[in-house]
Amino acid sequence: MQQRPLRQAQDRPFKQVDVFSATPYYGNPLAVVLDGRGLDTAAMQRFAHWTNLSETTFLLPPEDASADYKVRIFTPGGEMPFAGHPTLGSCHSWLQAGGKPKRRDIIVQECKVGLVNIRREPGHEEANRLAHRLAFAAPPLKRSSPSPVVLAQVAAALGLKATQIAAAQLLDNGPVWLGLLLDNPETVLQLTPNHLELARLKVKVGVAALYPKTEAPPLIARANREAKAFGQAATADTPVAADMEVRAFAAPMGINEDPVTGSLNASLAQWLMAEGYTPDRYIASQGVCLGRAGLVYLERDSSGQVWVGGESVTCLDGKVTL
């Protein structure tokens, strides 16, 4: 049997960006290969496994004429049809590298879930040469009630009592999450999950809780709480009093806890806004227990479309040999 000749490695433009933070190293990191042409799936997967980040993306020329670029998204263990922080981080990297969208108001990303619209948030186009505030249109959501047996098993793995769970839904916008709305943010922050059990159950879990309107933490109190949570002074991202606290547990993907999760926040917003748990605009905090200070900006427009926004900042800029 004739062996296929090895592909010649080449230098490719590369960025590592932090997403959902304008301050480097306080968001969710993403590796972006800006020119993935000529790489097969195995090569992409091998590099994504090597980076050991929650996601690595590869930018390609679009196949759909209406798209500005195509992206393939990989975790260390497999390819994903869609993910939130790779969408914003890839778009940030494409724009920073000189990408010119076909439309003035919208950037169109092609990925396995289809076409995703991304917009520049007003007032943030040129505010920071290294950071962009962008927002993606949340893909359509399929949701259903979870199995009571699975819900009880997950609650046990999280150490939750039934009375601490206000609502639960199975959320699917490409990635599938079991979404849990809990009684208060401190319950969210104090969870110590049994990740081995969650991996055995093969369930990714997103937990969230709203700050009571009458008890919204003052900015200084929030900064102190976050500093206490991860032993650091508050960063430039944290003078914002978030409306919700979120955590994402993804042991079945080999990630015990994801720092800041766009796809989860998208599906949580679509569910919670539709059921009247939240207003049409709110800010979610995520990553506190991992020493991060991620902020996700959620908004439902007049057409009912939910937008998921956040800042991205470039931390590494150079080339990679692939």
Protein backbone atom coordinates (compact mmCIF):
# COMPACT_ATOMS: atom_id res chain seq x y z
CA MET A 1 0.00 0.00 0.00
CA GLN A 2 1.46 3.33 -1.05
CA GLN A 3 1.79 5.80 1.81
CA ARG A 4 0.44 9.30 1.23
CA PRO A 5 3.26 11.87 1.23
CA LEU A 6 3.45 14.04 4.29
CA ARG A 7 2.11 17.58 3.91
CA GLN A 8 4.80 20.25 4.14
CA ALA A 9 4.30 22.34 7.29
CA GLN A 10 4.20 26.10 6.82
CA ASP A 11 4.13 29.24 8.92
CA ARG A 12 0.60 30.53 9.44
CA PRO A 13 -0.59 33.75 11.12
CA PHE A 14 -1.78 33.04 14.64
CA LYS A 15 -3.37 34.89 17.55
CA GLN A 16 -4.31 33.94 21.07
CA VAL A 17 -7.07 36.18 22.34
CA ASP A 18 -8.97 36.60 25.59
CA VAL A 19 -12.75 36.77 25.15
CA PHE A 20 -15.40 38.38 27.34
CA SER A 21 -12.78 40.65 28.88
CA ALA A 22 -11.01 43.84 27.79
CA THR A 23 -8.27 43.08 30.33
CA PRO A 24 -5.85 40.34 29.19
CA TYR A 25 -5.93 37.08 31.14
CA TYR A 26 -9.27 37.69 32.87
CA GLY A 27 -11.56 36.17 30.22
CA ASN A 28 -11.64 32.91 28.26
CA PRO A 29 -8.61 32.25 26.03
CA LEU A 30 -8.93 31.17 22.41
CA ALA A 31 -6.31 30.07 19.88
CA VAL A 32 -6.98 31.33 16.35
CA VAL A 33 -5.16 30.07 13.24
CA LEU A 34 -5.95 32.83 10.74
CA ASP A 35 -5.24 30.72 7.64
CA GLY A 36 -6.38 27.11 7.89
CA ARG A 37 -6.20 26.35 4.16
CA GLY A 38 -4.68 22.98 3.36
CA LEU A 39 -5.12 21.56 6.85
CA ASP A 40 -7.20 18.43 7.16
CA THR A 41 -9.44 17.62 10.09
CA ALA A 42 -6.83 15.40 11.75
CA ALA A 43 -4.21 18.18 11.66
CA MET A 44 -6.66 20.70 13.10
CA GLN A 45 -7.69 18.30 15.85
CA ARG A 46 -4.07 17.49 16.69
CA PHE A 47 -3.22 21.18 17.10
CA ALA A 48 -6.36 21.83 19.17
CA HIS A 49 -5.40 18.95 21.45
CA TRP A 50 -1.90 20.39 21.76
CA THR A 51 -3.02 23.93 22.68
CA ASN A 52 -5.06 22.37 25.50
CA LEU A 53 -7.44 25.35 25.44
CA SER A 54 -11.18 24.88 25.63
CA GLU A 55 -11.37 25.86 21.94
CA THR A 56 -9.09 26.45 18.97
CA THR A 57 -10.39 27.85 15.68
CA PHE A 58 -9.23 27.78 12.07
CA LEU A 59 -10.31 30.51 9.65
CA LEU A 60 -10.99 29.60 6.02
CA PRO A 61 -12.44 31.25 2.91
CA PRO A 62 -16.24 31.07 3.00
CA GLU A 63 -18.14 28.53 0.92
CA ASP A 64 -21.39 30.51 1.21
CA ALA A 65 -21.26 33.63 -0.94
CA SER A 66 -23.01 35.71 1.74
CA ALA A 67 -20.42 34.89 4.44
CA ASP A 68 -17.28 36.89 5.17
CA TYR A 69 -15.24 33.93 6.42
CA LYS A 70 -15.64 30.33 7.52
CA VAL A 71 -14.54 28.99 10.90
CA ARG A 72 -14.00 25.48 12.19
CA ILE A 73 -14.10 25.13 15.97
CA PHE A 74 -12.30 22.39 17.90
CA THR A 75 -12.07 21.44 21.55
CA PRO A 76 -9.17 19.20 22.62
CA GLY A 77 -11.48 16.23 22.02
CA GLY A 78 -13.55 17.07 18.95
CA GLU A 79 -15.12 19.53 16.54
CA MET A 80 -18.08 21.70 17.54
CA PRO A 81 -20.84 23.02 15.25
CA PHE A 82 -20.96 26.33 17.12
CA ALA A 83 -19.58 27.99 20.23
CA GLY A 84 -19.90 31.52 21.57
CA HIS A 85 -16.47 32.65 22.71
CA PRO A 86 -14.80 31.19 19.59
CA THR A 87 -17.29 33.15 17.47
CA LEU A 88 -16.45 36.50 19.08
CA GLY A 89 -12.72 35.78 19.36
CA SER A 90 -12.44 34.60 15.76
CA CYS A 91 -14.31 37.65 14.47
CA HIS A 92 -12.12 39.95 16.58
CA SER A 93 -9.01 38.28 15.16
CA TRP A 94 -10.30 38.42 11.56
CA LEU A 95 -11.11 42.13 11.85
CA GLN A 96 -7.80 42.93 13.54
CA ALA A 97 -5.93 41.09 10.78
CA GLY A 98 -7.55 43.37 8.19
CA GLY A 99 -10.73 41.50 7.34
CA LYS A 100 -13.27 43.63 5.44
CA PRO A 101 -16.91 42.55 5.83
CA LYS A 102 -19.20 42.62 2.80
CA ARG A 103 -21.82 44.54 4.80
CA ARG A 104 -21.20 47.70 6.78
CA ASP A 105 -23.39 46.80 9.75
CA ILE A 106 -22.92 43.02 10.09
CA ILE A 107 -20.10 40.47 9.84
CA VAL A 108 -21.32 37.04 8.67
CA GLN A 109 -19.56 33.96 9.99
CA GLU A 110 -20.02 30.57 8.37
CA CYS A 111 -19.71 27.52 10.64
CA LYS A 112 -21.20 24.04 10.90
CA VAL A 113 -24.39 25.31 12.52
CA GLY A 114 -24.89 27.66 9.53
CA LEU A 115 -24.49 31.43 9.16
CA VAL A 116 -24.08 33.55 12.31
CA ASN A 117 -24.47 37.32 12.23
CA ILE A 118 -22.08 39.40 14.33
CA ARG A 119 -22.38 43.13 14.96
CA ARG A 120 -20.04 45.78 16.27
CA GLU A 121 -21.48 47.18 19.46
CA PRO A 122 -22.17 50.95 19.25
CA GLY A 123 -19.44 53.10 20.75
CA HIS A 124 -16.89 50.29 20.81
CA GLU A 125 -15.66 50.20 17.19
CA GLU A 126 -12.50 52.22 17.75
CA ALA A 127 -12.44 52.69 21.52
CA ASN A 128 -9.45 50.40 21.93
CA ARG A 129 -7.11 49.43 19.14
CA LEU A 130 -6.56 46.02 20.72
CA ALA A 131 -10.08 45.28 21.98
CA HIS A 132 -13.42 44.98 20.18
CA ARG A 133 -16.91 44.80 21.70
CA LEU A 134 -18.83 42.49 19.40
CA ALA A 135 -22.12 40.62 19.71
CA PHE A 136 -23.38 37.54 17.88
CA ALA A 137 -26.96 36.67 17.07
CA ALA A 138 -27.83 33.63 19.16
CA PRO A 139 -28.71 30.65 16.95
CA PRO A 140 -32.21 29.16 17.20
CA LEU A 141 -32.75 27.32 20.48
CA LYS A 142 -34.42 23.97 21.02
CA ARG A 143 -35.41 23.38 24.64
CA SER A 144 -37.31 20.80 26.60
CA SER A 145 -37.92 19.63 30.16
CA PRO A 146 -35.15 17.36 31.46
CA SER A 147 -35.77 13.85 32.70
CA PRO A 148 -36.59 13.97 36.44
CA VAL A 149 -34.15 11.08 36.98
CA VAL A 150 -31.29 12.90 35.22
CA LEU A 151 -32.13 16.15 36.99
CA ALA A 152 -31.97 14.41 40.38
CA GLN A 153 -28.64 12.75 39.46
CA VAL A 154 -27.14 16.06 38.33
CA ALA A 155 -28.41 17.85 41.44
CA ALA A 156 -26.73 15.20 43.59
CA ALA A 157 -23.46 15.57 41.63
CA LEU A 158 -23.59 19.32 42.22
CA GLY A 159 -24.51 18.98 45.89
CA LEU A 160 -27.82 20.80 45.36
CA LYS A 161 -31.07 20.37 47.23
CA ALA A 162 -34.27 20.32 45.19
CA THR A 163 -35.41 23.53 46.92
CA GLN A 164 -32.36 25.37 45.54
CA ILE A 165 -33.40 24.76 41.91
CA ALA A 166 -35.96 27.31 40.74
CA ALA A 167 -36.22 26.03 37.15
CA ALA A 168 -34.51 23.61 34.77
CA GLN A 169 -34.40 23.18 30.98
CA LEU A 170 -32.46 21.14 28.45
CA LEU A 171 -30.98 23.73 26.09
CA ASP A 172 -29.69 22.99 22.56
CA ASN A 173 -28.28 25.65 20.22
CA GLY A 174 -25.58 23.38 18.78
CA PRO A 175 -23.96 22.53 22.11
CA VAL A 176 -26.40 20.92 24.56
CA TRP A 177 -26.56 22.15 28.17
CA LEU A 178 -28.73 21.31 31.13
CA GLY A 179 -29.61 24.79 32.34
CA LEU A 180 -30.39 25.30 36.03
CA LEU A 181 -31.73 28.52 37.51
CA LEU A 182 -30.76 28.51 41.20
CA ASP A 183 -32.10 30.38 44.20
CA ASN A 184 -29.26 32.93 44.64
CA PRO A 185 -25.78 33.81 43.34
CA GLU A 186 -24.02 32.60 46.47
CA THR A 187 -25.36 29.11 45.82
CA VAL A 188 -23.82 29.30 42.33
CA LEU A 189 -20.45 30.49 43.65
CA GLN A 190 -20.24 27.93 46.44
CA LEU A 191 -20.83 24.82 44.30
CA THR A 192 -18.13 22.14 44.41
CA PRO A 193 -19.30 19.63 41.78
CA ASN A 194 -18.37 15.97 41.52
CA HIS A 195 -16.89 16.29 38.03
CA LEU A 196 -16.26 12.54 37.68
CA GLU A 197 -19.96 11.92 38.25
CA LEU A 198 -20.94 14.61 35.72
CA ALA A 199 -18.59 13.00 33.20
CA ARG A 200 -20.18 9.61 33.89
CA LEU A 201 -23.64 11.10 33.39
CA LYS A 202 -22.43 12.73 30.14
CA VAL A 203 -24.21 15.96 30.99
CA LYS A 204 -22.88 19.49 30.56
CA VAL A 205 -24.44 21.77 33.15
CA GLY A 206 -24.90 25.52 33.21
CA VAL A 207 -26.00 27.11 36.47
CA ALA A 208 -27.20 30.67 36.94
CA ALA A 209 -28.83 32.90 39.54
CA LEU A 210 -30.08 36.46 39.49
CA TYR A 211 -29.00 39.17 41.90
CA PRO A 212 -32.16 40.49 43.60
CA LYS A 213 -33.07 43.92 42.26
CA THR A 214 -33.45 45.30 45.75
CA GLU A 215 -30.07 43.94 46.77
CA ALA A 216 -27.96 44.64 43.71
CA PRO A 217 -24.38 44.72 45.03
CA PRO A 218 -22.77 48.18 45.03
CA LEU A 219 -19.75 48.41 42.74
CA ILE A 220 -17.26 48.47 45.59
CA ALA A 221 -18.97 45.51 47.28
CA ARG A 222 -18.86 43.54 44.04
CA ALA A 223 -15.20 44.34 43.55
CA ASN A 224 -14.44 43.21 47.10
CA ARG A 225 -16.43 40.00 46.65
CA GLU A 226 -14.57 39.14 43.46
CA ALA A 227 -11.24 40.02 44.98
CA LYS A 228 -12.03 37.72 47.89
CA ALA A 229 -13.12 34.97 45.49
CA PHE A 230 -9.79 34.80 43.70
CA GLY A 231 -7.37 36.74 45.85
CA GLN A 232 -6.81 39.62 43.45
CA ALA A 233 -7.79 43.24 43.20
CA ALA A 234 -10.68 43.98 40.86
CA THR A 235 -9.69 44.61 37.25
CA ALA A 236 -10.85 47.18 34.74
CA ASP A 237 -13.67 44.79 33.80
CA THR A 238 -15.30 44.67 37.22
CA PRO A 239 -16.68 48.16 37.93
CA VAL A 240 -19.93 46.77 36.49
CA ALA A 241 -22.59 45.33 38.77
CA ALA A 242 -23.73 42.20 36.95
CA ASP A 243 -27.36 41.09 37.06
CA MET A 244 -26.61 37.37 37.02
CA GLU A 245 -23.89 34.93 38.11
CA VAL A 246 -23.15 31.98 35.80
CA ARG A 247 -20.95 28.87 35.91
CA ALA A 248 -20.47 26.16 33.27
CA PHE A 249 -19.43 22.58 34.04
CA ALA A 250 -18.38 20.54 31.00
CA ALA A 251 -16.66 17.42 32.36
CA PRO A 252 -17.91 15.24 29.45
CA MET A 253 -15.73 17.42 27.18
CA GLY A 254 -12.72 17.13 29.47
CA ILE A 255 -13.24 20.66 30.87
CA ASN A 256 -14.32 20.65 34.50
CA GLU A 257 -15.31 24.33 34.40
CA ASP A 258 -15.30 26.68 31.43
CA PRO A 259 -14.28 30.25 32.35
CA VAL A 260 -16.82 32.19 30.24
CA THR A 261 -19.26 30.48 27.88
CA GLY A 262 -21.02 32.28 25.04
CA SER A 263 -23.20 29.40 23.84
CA LEU A 264 -24.47 28.71 27.35
CA ASN A 265 -25.20 32.38 28.06
CA ALA A 266 -27.01 32.59 24.71
CA SER A 267 -29.30 29.68 25.48
CA LEU A 268 -29.84 30.78 29.08
CA ALA A 269 -30.92 34.23 27.86
CA GLN A 270 -33.28 32.81 25.23
CA TRP A 271 -34.91 30.57 27.84
CA LEU A 272 -35.02 33.00 30.77
CA MET A 273 -36.18 36.00 28.73
CA ALA A 274 -38.92 33.92 27.07
CA GLU A 275 -40.18 32.74 30.47
CA GLY A 276 -40.03 36.19 32.06
CA TYR A 277 -37.28 35.44 34.55
CA THR A 278 -35.08 38.25 33.21
CA PRO A 279 -35.56 41.58 31.43
CA ASP A 280 -34.71 42.01 27.74
CA ARG A 281 -31.27 43.30 28.65
CA TYR A 282 -28.91 42.14 31.39
CA ILE A 283 -25.24 41.50 32.18
CA ALA A 284 -23.92 38.11 33.27
CA SER A 285 -20.76 37.57 35.30
CA GLN A 286 -18.83 34.31 34.83
CA GLY A 287 -15.44 32.97 35.83
CA VAL A 288 -15.11 34.36 39.36
CA CYS A 289 -14.29 30.97 40.89
CA LEU A 290 -11.51 30.45 38.33
CA GLY A 291 -9.87 33.82 38.93
CA ARG A 292 -11.50 35.41 35.88
CA ALA A 293 -13.79 38.41 35.53
CA GLY A 294 -15.82 37.67 32.42
CA LEU A 295 -18.75 39.86 31.48
CA VAL A 296 -21.40 38.85 28.94
CA TYR A 297 -23.89 41.42 27.62
CA LEU A 298 -27.29 39.93 26.69
CA GLU A 299 -30.00 41.77 24.79
CA ARG A 300 -33.25 40.84 23.05
CA ASP A 301 -34.11 43.28 20.25
CA SER A 302 -37.55 44.33 19.00
CA SER A 303 -37.68 41.37 16.58
CA GLY A 304 -37.07 38.90 19.39
CA GLN A 305 -33.48 38.14 18.37
CA VAL A 306 -31.13 37.64 21.32
CA TRP A 307 -27.63 39.12 20.97
CA VAL A 308 -24.66 37.94 23.02
CA GLY A 309 -21.91 40.52 23.42
CA GLY A 310 -18.49 40.83 24.94
CA GLU A 311 -15.06 42.32 24.49
CA SER A 312 -12.04 40.50 23.12
CA VAL A 313 -8.39 41.43 23.50
CA THR A 314 -5.32 40.01 21.76
CA CYS A 315 -2.69 38.50 24.08
CA LEU A 316 -0.35 36.76 21.59
CA ASP A 317 0.20 37.74 17.97
CA GLY A 318 2.60 35.93 15.65
CA LYS A 319 2.84 32.73 13.62
CA VAL A 320 2.54 29.01 14.14
CA THR A 321 4.11 26.23 12.09
CA LEU A 322 1.41 23.82 10.89
